[in-house]
Amino acid sequence: MDYIKDATELGSRIDGIAKVVTNLKVEAHEIAVSALFHASDHSDVTLLTRLHTALGVADVSVARREAFKAWVHDFSPIRWVDKDKQFKLKKKMSNESPFNLDGAEMVDFFTYKIEPTYRPFDMEAAIKAAMRLQGTTDKKDEDGNLEMTDAQRADWDSFLGRVNDGAAELTAKYLN
């Protein structure tokens, strides 16, 4: 790969990417709403599945495939089926999940569900949180485990999740 060394050219290329992404978002939203209208009119979800597949072709985060699935789910009685890797129209449409085509038209899937903010693992903060939790109770149940309130248990589970995420991050960074 040749790197762009000229700052003016690099700035111009960055502006070009911003324009392409903006145009992609507008076109993808138009296509998504149209595919949802098609599914509503014809009970045919194949075009939604094709769009989902197309969004993953480049395998870039710009595509927002998970947000697209949530958008379809929330504005229609259509559900993503992981094992089949396709959308399916619910056979029995309940009043809880009719097509909301006006709502779908107003909200593009690129901004529909905000992705979580990346937080690097902070081992020191995790250890301090564990020490705080451990010091909150001395009572033990019959198995010898510390008794915790639901809030304490949620904090503990969150802590363990962060430890696991941090361990995976460190493993990937240093052992792969």
C-alpha atoms as a PDB file:
ATOM      1  CA  MET A   1       0.000   0.000   0.000  1.00  0.00           C
ATOM      2  CA  ASP A   2       1.268   3.434  -0.891  1.00  0.00           C
ATOM      3  CA  TYR A   3       0.576   6.029   1.779  1.00  0.00           C
ATOM      4  CA  ILE A   4      -0.710   9.465   0.884  1.00  0.00           C
ATOM      5  CA  LYS A   5       1.927  11.901   2.003  1.00  0.00           C
ATOM      6  CA  ASP A   6       0.447  15.168   0.780  1.00  0.00           C
ATOM      7  CA  ALA A   7      -1.808  16.693   3.473  1.00  0.00           C
ATOM      8  CA  THR A   8      -3.976  18.514   0.917  1.00  0.00           C
ATOM      9  CA  GLU A   9      -4.626  15.323  -1.046  1.00  0.00           C
ATOM     10  CA  LEU A  10      -5.239  13.392   2.170  1.00  0.00           C
ATOM     11  CA  GLY A  11      -7.734  16.011   3.357  1.00  0.00           C
ATOM     12  CA  SER A  12      -9.483  15.890  -0.008  1.00  0.00           C
ATOM     13  CA  ARG A  13      -9.719  12.083   0.148  1.00  0.00           C
ATOM     14  CA  ILE A  14     -11.141  12.254   3.688  1.00  0.00           C
ATOM     15  CA  ASP A  15     -13.769  14.720   2.472  1.00  0.00           C
ATOM     16  CA  GLY A  16     -14.525  12.301  -0.376  1.00  0.00           C
ATOM     17  CA  ILE A  17     -15.097   9.456   2.079  1.00  0.00           C
ATOM     18  CA  ALA A  18     -17.455  11.640   4.103  1.00  0.00           C
ATOM     19  CA  LYS A  19     -19.434  12.408   0.938  1.00  0.00           C
ATOM     20  CA  VAL A  20     -19.566   8.760  -0.150  1.00  0.00           C
ATOM     21  CA  VAL A  21     -20.709   7.620   3.313  1.00  0.00           C
ATOM     22  CA  THR A  22     -23.371  10.348   3.449  1.00  0.00           C
ATOM     23  CA  ASN A  23     -24.644   9.371  -0.006  1.00  0.00           C
ATOM     24  CA  LEU A  24     -24.572   5.692   0.974  1.00  0.00           C
ATOM     25  CA  LYS A  25     -26.627   6.405   4.086  1.00  0.00           C
ATOM     26  CA  VAL A  26     -29.266   8.317   2.108  1.00  0.00           C
ATOM     27  CA  GLU A  27     -29.487   5.658  -0.607  1.00  0.00           C
ATOM     28  CA  ALA A  28     -29.460   2.744   1.852  1.00  0.00           C
ATOM     29  CA  HIS A  29     -32.282   4.344   3.851  1.00  0.00           C
ATOM     30  CA  GLU A  30     -34.353   4.850   0.700  1.00  0.00           C
ATOM     31  CA  ILE A  31     -33.777   1.218  -0.292  1.00  0.00           C
ATOM     32  CA  ALA A  32     -34.492  -0.062   3.238  1.00  0.00           C
ATOM     33  CA  VAL A  33     -37.808   1.801   3.460  1.00  0.00           C
ATOM     34  CA  SER A  34     -38.727   0.654  -0.046  1.00  0.00           C
ATOM     35  CA  ALA A  35     -37.928  -2.968   0.866  1.00  0.00           C
ATOM     36  CA  LEU A  36     -40.063  -2.607   4.000  1.00  0.00           C
ATOM     37  CA  PHE A  37     -42.943  -1.218   1.909  1.00  0.00           C
ATOM     38  CA  HIS A  38     -42.494  -4.147  -0.487  1.00  0.00           C
ATOM     39  CA  ALA A  39     -42.635  -6.611   2.421  1.00  0.00           C
ATOM     40  CA  SER A  40     -45.772  -4.902   3.722  1.00  0.00           C
ATOM     41  CA  ASP A  41     -47.504  -5.026   0.320  1.00  0.00           C
ATOM     42  CA  HIS A  42     -46.389  -8.513  -0.790  1.00  0.00           C
ATOM     43  CA  SER A  43     -45.387 -10.403   2.390  1.00  0.00           C
ATOM     44  CA  ASP A  44     -42.001 -10.868   0.718  1.00  0.00           C
ATOM     45  CA  VAL A  45     -38.939 -10.331   2.924  1.00  0.00           C
ATOM     46  CA  THR A  46     -36.303 -11.505   0.447  1.00  0.00           C
ATOM     47  CA  LEU A  47     -35.300  -7.954  -0.491  1.00  0.00           C
ATOM     48  CA  LEU A  48     -34.706  -7.065   3.171  1.00  0.00           C
ATOM     49  CA  THR A  49     -32.490 -10.132   3.500  1.00  0.00           C
ATOM     50  CA  ARG A  50     -30.611  -9.182   0.311  1.00  0.00           C
ATOM     51  CA  LEU A  51     -30.026  -5.670   1.644  1.00  0.00           C
ATOM     52  CA  HIS A  52     -28.739  -7.095   4.931  1.00  0.00           C
ATOM     53  CA  THR A  53     -26.335  -9.307   2.993  1.00  0.00           C
ATOM     54  CA  ALA A  54     -25.233  -6.404   0.797  1.00  0.00           C
ATOM     55  CA  LEU A  55     -24.489  -4.289   3.869  1.00  0.00           C
ATOM     56  CA  GLY A  56     -22.031  -6.946   5.002  1.00  0.00           C
ATOM     57  CA  VAL A  57     -20.168  -7.327   1.705  1.00  0.00           C
ATOM     58  CA  ALA A  58     -17.429  -4.863   2.603  1.00  0.00           C
ATOM     59  CA  ASP A  59     -17.463  -6.007   6.247  1.00  0.00           C
ATOM     60  CA  VAL A  60     -17.126  -2.443   7.517  1.00  0.00           C
ATOM     61  CA  SER A  61     -18.794  -0.835  10.497  1.00  0.00           C
ATOM     62  CA  VAL A  62     -20.331   1.818   8.239  1.00  0.00           C
ATOM     63  CA  ALA A  63     -22.896  -0.809   7.233  1.00  0.00           C
ATOM     64  CA  ARG A  64     -24.525  -1.050  10.703  1.00  0.00           C
ATOM     65  CA  ARG A  65     -26.052  -4.472  10.001  1.00  0.00           C
ATOM     66  CA  GLU A  66     -27.139  -5.047  13.600  1.00  0.00           C
ATOM     67  CA  ALA A  67     -28.850  -1.657  13.699  1.00  0.00           C
ATOM     68  CA  PHE A  68     -30.583  -2.576  10.431  1.00  0.00           C
ATOM     69  CA  LYS A  69     -31.952  -5.786  11.988  1.00  0.00           C
ATOM     70  CA  ALA A  70     -33.213  -3.831  15.025  1.00  0.00           C
ATOM     71  CA  TRP A  71     -34.791  -1.205  12.743  1.00  0.00           C
ATOM     72  CA  VAL A  72     -36.665  -3.849  10.722  1.00  0.00           C
ATOM     73  CA  HIS A  73     -37.757  -5.585  13.929  1.00  0.00           C
ATOM     74  CA  ASP A  74     -39.031  -2.403  15.560  1.00  0.00           C
ATOM     75  CA  PHE A  75     -40.914  -1.054  12.550  1.00  0.00           C
ATOM     76  CA  SER A  76     -42.495  -4.297  11.333  1.00  0.00           C
ATOM     77  CA  PRO A  77     -43.619  -7.809  12.233  1.00  0.00           C
ATOM     78  CA  ILE A  78     -40.492  -9.128  10.517  1.00  0.00           C
ATOM     79  CA  ARG A  79     -37.838 -10.911  12.556  1.00  0.00           C
ATOM     80  CA  TRP A  80     -34.248 -11.906  11.826  1.00  0.00           C
ATOM     81  CA  VAL A  81     -33.666 -15.657  12.188  1.00  0.00           C
ATOM     82  CA  ASP A  82     -29.996 -16.279  12.984  1.00  0.00           C
ATOM     83  CA  LYS A  83     -29.961 -19.977  12.120  1.00  0.00           C
ATOM     84  CA  ASP A  84     -31.432 -19.284   8.676  1.00  0.00           C
ATOM     85  CA  LYS A  85     -29.523 -16.014   8.238  1.00  0.00           C
ATOM     86  CA  GLN A  86     -32.587 -14.293   6.833  1.00  0.00           C
ATOM     87  CA  PHE A  87     -35.608 -12.237   7.737  1.00  0.00           C
ATOM     88  CA  LYS A  88     -38.964 -13.950   8.279  1.00  0.00           C
ATOM     89  CA  LEU A  89     -42.411 -12.418   8.402  1.00  0.00           C
ATOM     90  CA  LYS A  90     -44.292 -13.461  11.528  1.00  0.00           C
ATOM     91  CA  LYS A  91     -47.184 -15.665  10.422  1.00  0.00           C
ATOM     92  CA  LYS A  92     -49.627 -14.267  12.942  1.00  0.00           C
ATOM     93  CA  MET A  93     -49.438 -10.503  13.006  1.00  0.00           C
ATOM     94  CA  SER A  94     -50.408  -9.162  16.378  1.00  0.00           C
ATOM     95  CA  ASN A  95     -51.520  -5.634  17.107  1.00  0.00           C
ATOM     96  CA  GLU A  96     -48.232  -5.154  18.952  1.00  0.00           C
ATOM     97  CA  SER A  97     -46.044  -5.290  15.863  1.00  0.00           C
ATOM     98  CA  PRO A  98     -47.781  -3.996  12.737  1.00  0.00           C
ATOM     99  CA  PHE A  99     -45.845  -2.316   9.959  1.00  0.00           C
ATOM    100  CA  ASN A 100     -44.979   1.250  10.961  1.00  0.00           C
ATOM    101  CA  LEU A 101     -43.924   2.523   7.566  1.00  0.00           C
ATOM    102  CA  ASP A 102     -44.246   6.205   8.444  1.00  0.00           C
ATOM    103  CA  GLY A 103     -41.964   5.731  11.447  1.00  0.00           C
ATOM    104  CA  ALA A 104     -39.480   3.714   9.382  1.00  0.00           C
ATOM    105  CA  GLU A 105     -39.371   6.469   6.793  1.00  0.00           C
ATOM    106  CA  MET A 106     -38.567   9.088   9.423  1.00  0.00           C
ATOM    107  CA  VAL A 107     -35.692   7.216  11.117  1.00  0.00           C
ATOM    108  CA  ASP A 108     -32.742   5.838   9.194  1.00  0.00           C
ATOM    109  CA  PHE A 109     -31.177   2.653  10.523  1.00  0.00           C
ATOM    110  CA  PHE A 110     -27.693   4.169  10.531  1.00  0.00           C
ATOM    111  CA  THR A 111     -28.624   6.324  13.513  1.00  0.00           C
ATOM    112  CA  TYR A 112     -31.437   4.189  14.929  1.00  0.00           C
ATOM    113  CA  LYS A 113     -29.496   2.259  17.554  1.00  0.00           C
ATOM    114  CA  ILE A 114     -26.390   3.927  18.899  1.00  0.00           C
ATOM    115  CA  GLU A 115     -23.399   1.637  19.205  1.00  0.00           C
ATOM    116  CA  PRO A 116     -21.786   1.408  22.632  1.00  0.00           C
ATOM    117  CA  THR A 117     -18.804   3.629  23.263  1.00  0.00           C
ATOM    118  CA  TYR A 118     -15.515   1.780  23.391  1.00  0.00           C
ATOM    119  CA  ARG A 119     -14.000   1.764  26.863  1.00  0.00           C
ATOM    120  CA  PRO A 120     -10.547   0.290  27.357  1.00  0.00           C
ATOM    121  CA  PHE A 121     -10.349  -2.135  30.246  1.00  0.00           C
ATOM    122  CA  ASP A 122      -9.154  -0.519  33.479  1.00  0.00           C
ATOM    123  CA  MET A 123      -7.808  -3.285  35.722  1.00  0.00           C
ATOM    124  CA  GLU A 124      -7.218  -0.946  38.676  1.00  0.00           C
ATOM    125  CA  ALA A 125     -10.827   0.291  38.609  1.00  0.00           C
ATOM    126  CA  ALA A 126     -12.098  -3.289  38.312  1.00  0.00           C
ATOM    127  CA  ILE A 127     -10.070  -4.425  41.313  1.00  0.00           C
ATOM    128  CA  LYS A 128     -11.251  -1.453  43.379  1.00  0.00           C
ATOM    129  CA  ALA A 129     -14.853  -2.259  42.452  1.00  0.00           C
ATOM    130  CA  ALA A 130     -14.348  -5.874  43.511  1.00  0.00           C
ATOM    131  CA  MET A 131     -12.836  -4.802  46.813  1.00  0.00           C
ATOM    132  CA  ARG A 132     -15.777  -2.461  47.436  1.00  0.00           C
ATOM    133  CA  LEU A 133     -18.218  -5.260  46.678  1.00  0.00           C
ATOM    134  CA  GLN A 134     -16.433  -7.775  48.828  1.00  0.00           C
ATOM    135  CA  GLY A 135     -16.414  -5.387  51.762  1.00  0.00           C
ATOM    136  CA  THR A 136     -20.150  -4.772  51.592  1.00  0.00           C
ATOM    137  CA  THR A 137     -21.155  -8.000  53.296  1.00  0.00           C
ATOM    138  CA  ASP A 138     -19.740 -10.614  55.602  1.00  0.00           C
ATOM    139  CA  LYS A 139     -22.790 -12.873  55.477  1.00  0.00           C
ATOM    140  CA  LYS A 140     -22.380 -16.157  53.682  1.00  0.00           C
ATOM    141  CA  ASP A 141     -24.999 -18.567  52.428  1.00  0.00           C
ATOM    142  CA  GLU A 142     -24.986 -22.293  53.164  1.00  0.00           C
ATOM    143  CA  ASP A 143     -22.526 -22.910  50.281  1.00  0.00           C
ATOM    144  CA  GLY A 144     -20.054 -20.379  51.666  1.00  0.00           C
ATOM    145  CA  ASN A 145     -20.771 -17.723  49.010  1.00  0.00           C
ATOM    146  CA  LEU A 146     -21.166 -14.107  50.022  1.00  0.00           C
ATOM    147  CA  GLU A 147     -24.787 -13.029  50.247  1.00  0.00           C
ATOM    148  CA  MET A 148     -25.502 -10.019  48.075  1.00  0.00           C
ATOM    149  CA  THR A 149     -28.453  -7.834  47.279  1.00  0.00           C
ATOM    150  CA  ASP A 150     -29.712  -7.823  43.681  1.00  0.00           C
ATOM    151  CA  ALA A 151     -27.892  -4.512  43.089  1.00  0.00           C
ATOM    152  CA  GLN A 152     -24.665  -5.931  44.522  1.00  0.00           C
ATOM    153  CA  ARG A 153     -25.059  -9.073  42.403  1.00  0.00           C
ATOM    154  CA  ALA A 154     -25.567  -6.928  39.275  1.00  0.00           C
ATOM    155  CA  ASP A 155     -22.424  -4.936  40.132  1.00  0.00           C
ATOM    156  CA  TRP A 156     -20.492  -8.149  40.695  1.00  0.00           C
ATOM    157  CA  ASP A 157     -21.683  -9.655  37.420  1.00  0.00           C
ATOM    158  CA  SER A 158     -20.751  -6.431  35.632  1.00  0.00           C
ATOM    159  CA  PHE A 159     -17.320  -6.579  37.244  1.00  0.00           C
ATOM    160  CA  LEU A 160     -16.793 -10.183  36.132  1.00  0.00           C
ATOM    161  CA  GLY A 161     -17.862  -9.238  32.612  1.00  0.00           C
ATOM    162  CA  ARG A 162     -15.341  -6.396  32.519  1.00  0.00           C
ATOM    163  CA  VAL A 163     -12.613  -8.727  33.819  1.00  0.00           C
ATOM    164  CA  ASN A 164     -13.433 -11.244  31.078  1.00  0.00           C
ATOM    165  CA  ASP A 165     -13.481  -8.502  28.428  1.00  0.00           C
ATOM    166  CA  GLY A 166     -10.187  -7.144  29.717  1.00  0.00           C
ATOM    167  CA  ALA A 167      -8.583 -10.572  29.752  1.00  0.00           C
ATOM    168  CA  ALA A 168      -9.724 -11.165  26.168  1.00  0.00           C
ATOM    169  CA  GLU A 169      -8.373  -7.753  25.131  1.00  0.00           C
ATOM    170  CA  LEU A 170      -5.009  -8.401  26.773  1.00  0.00           C
ATOM    171  CA  THR A 171      -4.831 -11.913  25.312  1.00  0.00           C
ATOM    172  CA  ALA A 172      -5.550 -10.583  21.821  1.00  0.00           C
ATOM    173  CA  LYS A 173      -3.028  -7.785  22.245  1.00  0.00           C
ATOM    174  CA  TYR A 174      -0.120  -9.803  23.581  1.00  0.00           C
ATOM    175  CA  LEU A 175      -0.622 -13.418  22.540  1.00  0.00           C
ATOM    176  CA  ASN A 176      -1.985 -13.189  19.020  1.00  0.00           C
END
